C-alpha cells in the first residue's frame, strides 16, 4: 500500500510518498518539484508511480506557492520567479539532509525532477549538488541569465515598469550565472539526464531545452544512453503520458537497475 504523508521540514511543507511496508527502510530517493503557480499536490501521479517502483518520493512546496502563499498577485509572483527558483534549489539540501539523518534514503541513489519551473530548478540544481545521481527535466531549460533577460524584456514591452535599476538587474544576472547549467555544463559529469518538451510550448520555448541538449551531446560521447531528449510534436505546456512514463522508466533504469546497485555497493566498499 502506498501512503501519503503531509509533513513539514523547517519551513518547507511537503508530501512524502512511499510504500507503507518500506517506510522505515533506506530507499532510493526522488525529489519532484512543481511548476510556477502550481502546487505540490498536482504531481501526485508521478509520486505514486515512482513509489510503486520502490522509491521514496517527496513533493516540496516552493516558496510563495500553495501552503506558502502570502497573497501575491500574478505580477508580484513573476517578479519573484528567480527568487523562488534559487530558494527552492537551496532548500533541496535541507530536505536531503533531513532524510539522511533519519537513515531513510540511499544517498548514492538520489534523483531530481520537475515540471516547467520545477524542470528549470532541476537543471540549476545540477550545478550545485553532486549528490543528484540522475535527473529529469520536463518542460525546463538551463539558460538562467538568458531566460531572465527575455522575461524582463517581455514585461517591459507590455508596459510594466520594473522596480529594478540597471545596476540591480546586472546583480541579478550575476547571481543567476552561479546556477546556469549552460555556463557550467562540465558539472554534469556524465550523470543521466532526460528531457521532455512539447514543440508548441508557449511558456518555456522548446528551442531553449533542445539547443542545450544538442550542445552537451559531445560531453556524453561513449555514454549517449545517459542523455536523451523526448520531443512531442503536438504538445504545448502539458506533459504527455509518454513523458510521465519516460520519467519513471528513466529513474528505474538509472537508480534501481541491478547494474546501478552493484556500482553503489562497490563504491561504498571502497570508501
Protein backbone atom coordinates (compact mmCIF):
# COMPACT_ATOMS: atom_id res chain seq x y z
CA UNK A 1 0.00 0.00 0.00
CA UNK A 2 1.23 3.49 -0.89
CA UNK A 3 0.98 6.07 1.89
CA UNK A 4 0.93 9.85 1.52
CA UNK A 5 2.27 11.81 4.48
CA UNK A 6 1.70 15.55 4.72
CA UNK A 7 4.64 16.89 6.70
CA UNK A 8 6.95 19.87 7.15
CA UNK A 9 10.73 20.15 7.27
CA UNK A 10 11.66 23.50 8.77
CA UNK A 11 9.54 25.96 6.77
CA UNK A 12 9.06 23.57 3.84
CA UNK A 13 5.70 21.80 3.55
CA UNK A 14 5.92 18.59 1.53
CA UNK A 15 4.17 15.39 0.65
CA UNK A 16 6.09 12.22 1.44
CA UNK A 17 5.04 9.20 -0.62
CA UNK A 18 6.30 5.66 -0.01
CA UNK A 19 5.18 2.06 0.29
CA UNK A 20 3.91 1.52 3.82
CA UNK A 21 5.86 -1.72 4.19
CA UNK A 22 9.11 0.10 3.34
CA UNK A 23 8.53 3.24 5.39
CA UNK A 24 11.49 2.69 7.72
CA UNK A 25 13.89 1.40 5.06
CA UNK A 26 16.75 3.22 3.37
CA UNK A 27 15.39 3.63 -0.16
CA UNK A 28 16.33 5.23 -3.47
CA UNK A 29 15.05 8.79 -3.24
CA UNK A 30 13.32 11.15 -5.68
CA UNK A 31 12.55 14.84 -5.10
CA UNK A 32 9.95 16.16 -7.56
CA UNK A 33 9.40 19.93 -7.86
CA UNK A 34 6.17 21.52 -9.13
CA UNK A 35 5.79 24.30 -11.67
CA UNK A 36 5.24 28.04 -11.37
CA UNK A 37 1.92 28.98 -9.70
CA UNK A 38 1.21 25.27 -9.28
CA UNK A 39 1.19 23.20 -6.07
CA UNK A 40 2.85 20.01 -4.86
CA UNK A 41 -0.42 18.00 -4.99
CA UNK A 42 -0.57 18.37 -8.78
CA UNK A 43 2.28 15.89 -9.15
CA UNK A 44 0.94 13.05 -7.04
CA UNK A 45 0.55 10.80 -10.08
CA UNK A 46 4.32 10.91 -10.66
CA UNK A 47 4.95 10.19 -6.99
CA UNK A 48 2.53 7.27 -6.91
CA UNK A 49 4.12 5.61 -9.94
CA UNK A 50 7.62 6.11 -8.55
CA UNK A 51 6.70 4.86 -5.06
CA UNK A 52 5.12 1.83 -6.67
CA UNK A 53 8.55 1.05 -8.15
CA UNK A 54 10.19 1.19 -4.71
CA UNK A 55 11.29 4.83 -4.43
CA UNK A 56 10.79 7.17 -1.51
CA UNK A 57 9.39 10.36 -3.06
CA UNK A 58 8.89 13.86 -1.72
CA UNK A 59 6.97 16.72 -3.32
CA UNK A 60 8.08 20.01 -1.72
CA UNK A 61 6.07 23.23 -1.81
CA UNK A 62 8.13 26.08 -3.25
CA UNK A 63 8.16 29.45 -1.51
CA UNK A 64 5.15 31.70 -2.36
CA UNK A 65 3.18 28.68 -3.62
CA UNK A 66 0.40 26.53 -2.18
CA UNK A 67 0.63 26.41 1.60
CA UNK A 68 3.35 29.07 1.43
CA UNK A 69 1.26 31.71 -0.36
CA UNK A 70 1.47 35.22 1.04
CA UNK A 71 -1.22 36.91 -1.07
CA UNK A 72 0.93 37.98 -4.03
CA UNK A 73 -0.74 38.84 -7.32
CA UNK A 74 0.42 37.41 -10.65
CA UNK A 75 2.83 40.27 -11.40
CA UNK A 76 4.36 40.09 -7.92
CA UNK A 77 4.78 36.32 -8.36
CA UNK A 78 6.51 36.88 -11.71
CA UNK A 79 8.89 39.39 -10.17
CA UNK A 80 9.83 36.76 -7.58
CA UNK A 81 10.24 33.92 -10.09
CA UNK A 82 14.01 33.65 -9.81
CA UNK A 83 13.94 34.12 -6.05
CA UNK A 84 11.57 31.16 -5.96
CA UNK A 85 13.88 29.13 -8.19
CA UNK A 86 17.07 29.74 -6.24
CA UNK A 87 15.39 29.43 -2.83
CA UNK A 88 13.97 26.06 -3.84
CA UNK A 89 17.40 24.91 -5.00
CA UNK A 90 18.85 25.88 -1.63
CA UNK A 91 16.04 24.04 0.17
CA UNK A 92 16.76 20.77 -1.65
CA UNK A 93 19.84 20.37 0.53
CA UNK A 94 17.73 20.77 3.69
CA UNK A 95 15.30 18.08 2.50
CA UNK A 96 18.04 15.64 1.54
CA UNK A 97 19.89 16.07 4.83
CA UNK A 98 16.69 15.53 6.82
CA UNK A 99 16.05 12.12 5.30
CA UNK A 100 19.73 11.20 5.56
CA UNK A 101 19.65 11.87 9.30
CA UNK A 102 16.65 9.56 9.56
CA UNK A 103 18.52 6.88 7.56
CA UNK A 104 15.58 6.66 5.17
CA UNK A 105 17.39 7.24 1.88
CA UNK A 106 20.21 5.67 -0.08
CA UNK A 107 22.48 8.66 -0.63
CA UNK A 108 24.05 7.01 -3.68
CA UNK A 109 20.68 6.79 -5.45
CA UNK A 110 19.04 10.21 -5.42
CA UNK A 111 17.10 11.63 -8.36
CA UNK A 112 15.64 15.07 -9.02
CA UNK A 113 12.87 16.05 -11.43
CA UNK A 114 10.29 18.73 -12.05
CA UNK A 115 7.82 20.28 -14.46
CA UNK A 116 8.26 23.74 -16.01
CA UNK A 117 9.72 25.84 -13.19
CA UNK A 118 10.49 22.54 -11.49
CA UNK A 119 12.43 21.48 -14.59
CA UNK A 120 14.32 24.78 -14.52
CA UNK A 121 15.09 24.19 -10.84
CA UNK A 122 16.26 20.65 -11.61
CA UNK A 123 18.77 21.84 -14.21
CA UNK A 124 20.03 24.62 -11.94
CA UNK A 125 20.41 22.24 -9.00
CA UNK A 126 22.76 20.07 -11.05
CA UNK A 127 25.30 22.92 -10.85
CA UNK A 128 25.16 22.82 -7.04
CA UNK A 129 24.80 19.22 -5.93
CA UNK A 130 26.90 16.24 -6.97
CA UNK A 131 24.60 14.06 -4.85
CA UNK A 132 21.99 14.23 -7.62
CA UNK A 133 22.75 10.99 -9.45
CA UNK A 134 20.08 11.21 -12.19
CA UNK A 135 17.69 13.95 -13.32
CA UNK A 136 14.66 14.60 -15.50
CA UNK A 137 13.61 17.99 -16.84
CA UNK A 138 10.02 18.23 -18.06
CA UNK A 139 9.50 21.49 -19.97
CA UNK A 140 12.50 23.07 -18.26
CA UNK A 141 15.56 24.89 -19.61
CA UNK A 142 19.00 25.76 -18.21
CA UNK A 143 19.62 29.28 -19.60
CA UNK A 144 19.02 31.22 -16.39
CA UNK A 145 20.60 34.50 -17.42
CA UNK A 146 19.27 34.46 -20.98
CA UNK A 147 15.74 33.49 -19.91
CA UNK A 148 15.65 36.11 -17.17
CA UNK A 149 16.63 38.77 -19.72
CA UNK A 150 13.86 37.50 -22.00
CA UNK A 151 11.31 37.71 -19.17
CA UNK A 152 12.32 41.26 -18.28
CA UNK A 153 12.08 42.29 -21.93
CA UNK A 154 8.58 40.80 -22.18
CA UNK A 155 7.40 42.64 -19.07
CA UNK A 156 8.85 45.94 -20.21
CA UNK A 157 7.31 45.57 -23.68
CA UNK A 158 3.92 45.06 -22.04
CA UNK A 159 4.27 48.47 -20.40
CA UNK A 160 5.21 47.35 -16.91
CA UNK A 161 7.73 49.48 -15.03
CA UNK A 162 10.04 47.14 -13.17
CA UNK A 163 11.27 48.01 -9.66
CA UNK A 164 14.93 47.37 -10.63
CA UNK A 165 17.68 49.75 -11.63
CA UNK A 166 20.09 48.68 -14.39
CA UNK A 167 22.69 48.02 -11.70
CA UNK A 168 20.26 45.79 -9.80
CA UNK A 169 19.44 43.89 -12.99
CA UNK A 170 23.13 43.18 -13.55
CA UNK A 171 23.43 41.95 -9.97
CA UNK A 172 20.51 39.58 -10.57
CA UNK A 173 22.09 38.24 -13.76
CA UNK A 174 25.43 37.76 -11.99
CA UNK A 175 23.73 35.79 -9.21
CA UNK A 176 21.88 33.58 -11.68
CA UNK A 177 25.08 32.65 -13.54
CA UNK A 178 26.05 30.60 -10.49
CA UNK A 179 23.09 28.28 -11.20
CA UNK A 180 23.21 28.47 -15.01
CA UNK A 181 23.96 24.98 -16.33
CA UNK A 182 24.65 26.37 -19.80
CA UNK A 183 27.61 28.23 -18.26
CA UNK A 184 28.81 25.19 -16.26
CA UNK A 185 27.92 22.11 -18.37
CA UNK A 186 31.02 20.25 -17.20
CA UNK A 187 29.39 19.69 -13.79
CA UNK A 188 27.08 17.14 -15.41
CA UNK A 189 29.99 14.72 -15.32
CA UNK A 190 28.10 12.11 -17.31
CA UNK A 191 25.12 11.95 -14.96
CA UNK A 192 21.96 10.50 -16.56
CA UNK A 193 19.77 13.36 -17.83
CA UNK A 194 16.42 13.13 -19.60
CA UNK A 195 14.48 15.97 -21.24
CA UNK A 196 10.84 16.03 -22.30
CA UNK A 197 9.42 19.05 -24.13
CA UNK A 198 6.50 19.90 -26.38
CA UNK A 199 7.33 21.72 -29.61
CA UNK A 200 4.29 24.01 -29.23
CA UNK A 201 5.14 25.12 -25.68
CA UNK A 202 4.23 28.85 -25.39
CA UNK A 203 5.60 29.26 -21.85
CA UNK A 204 9.10 27.75 -21.88
CA UNK A 205 10.21 27.71 -25.53
CA UNK A 206 11.12 24.25 -26.83
CA UNK A 207 14.25 25.53 -28.57
CA UNK A 208 15.85 26.51 -25.26
CA UNK A 209 15.99 22.95 -23.98
CA UNK A 210 16.68 21.27 -27.33
CA UNK A 211 19.50 23.69 -28.12
CA UNK A 212 21.14 22.85 -24.79
CA UNK A 213 20.67 19.12 -25.32
CA UNK A 214 22.50 19.31 -28.64
CA UNK A 215 25.28 21.42 -27.11
CA UNK A 216 26.07 18.85 -24.39
CA UNK A 217 25.95 15.71 -26.53
CA UNK A 218 29.75 15.78 -27.00
CA UNK A 219 30.12 15.58 -23.20
CA UNK A 220 28.33 12.23 -23.30
CA UNK A 221 30.42 10.71 -26.08
CA UNK A 222 30.63 6.99 -25.39
CA UNK A 223 27.73 7.26 -22.92
CA UNK A 224 24.91 8.60 -25.06
CA UNK A 225 22.48 6.20 -23.39
CA UNK A 226 22.68 8.50 -20.35
CA UNK A 227 21.41 11.52 -22.29
CA UNK A 228 18.03 11.51 -24.01
CA UNK A 229 15.52 14.03 -25.33
CA UNK A 230 11.84 13.19 -25.89
CA UNK A 231 10.24 15.61 -28.35
CA UNK A 232 6.45 15.80 -28.53
CA UNK A 233 5.45 17.44 -31.81
CA UNK A 234 1.85 18.05 -30.72
CA UNK A 235 2.23 19.04 -27.06
CA UNK A 236 2.15 22.54 -25.64
CA UNK A 237 2.80 23.25 -21.95
CA UNK A 238 1.44 19.98 -20.62
CA UNK A 239 3.34 16.75 -20.14
CA UNK A 240 2.02 13.82 -22.15
CA UNK A 241 1.58 10.27 -20.90
CA UNK A 242 4.78 9.41 -22.78
CA UNK A 243 6.64 11.98 -20.72
CA UNK A 244 5.29 10.66 -17.42
CA UNK A 245 6.16 7.06 -18.24
CA UNK A 246 9.52 8.14 -19.65
CA UNK A 247 10.42 9.79 -16.35
CA UNK A 248 9.53 6.71 -14.31
CA UNK A 249 11.43 4.42 -16.67
CA UNK A 250 14.47 6.72 -16.57
CA UNK A 251 14.78 6.63 -12.81
CA UNK A 252 14.06 2.91 -12.72
CA UNK A 253 16.87 2.33 -15.23
CA UNK A 254 19.48 4.51 -13.57
CA UNK A 255 18.63 4.33 -9.88
CA UNK A 256 17.06 0.87 -9.48
CA UNK A 257 18.76 -1.35 -12.06
CA UNK A 258 20.95 -4.25 -10.84
CA UNK A 259 23.97 -2.64 -12.53
CA UNK A 260 23.47 0.60 -10.61
CA UNK A 261 23.02 -1.29 -7.33
CA UNK A 262 26.30 -3.14 -7.96
CA UNK A 263 28.14 0.14 -8.65
CA UNK A 264 26.69 1.64 -5.46
CA UNK A 265 27.77 -1.35 -3.37
CA UNK A 266 31.28 -1.26 -4.81
CA UNK A 267 31.52 2.49 -4.20
CA UNK A 268 30.62 2.04 -0.53
CA UNK A 269 33.08 -0.82 -0.06
CA UNK A 270 35.92 1.28 -1.48
CA UNK A 271 35.34 4.23 0.85
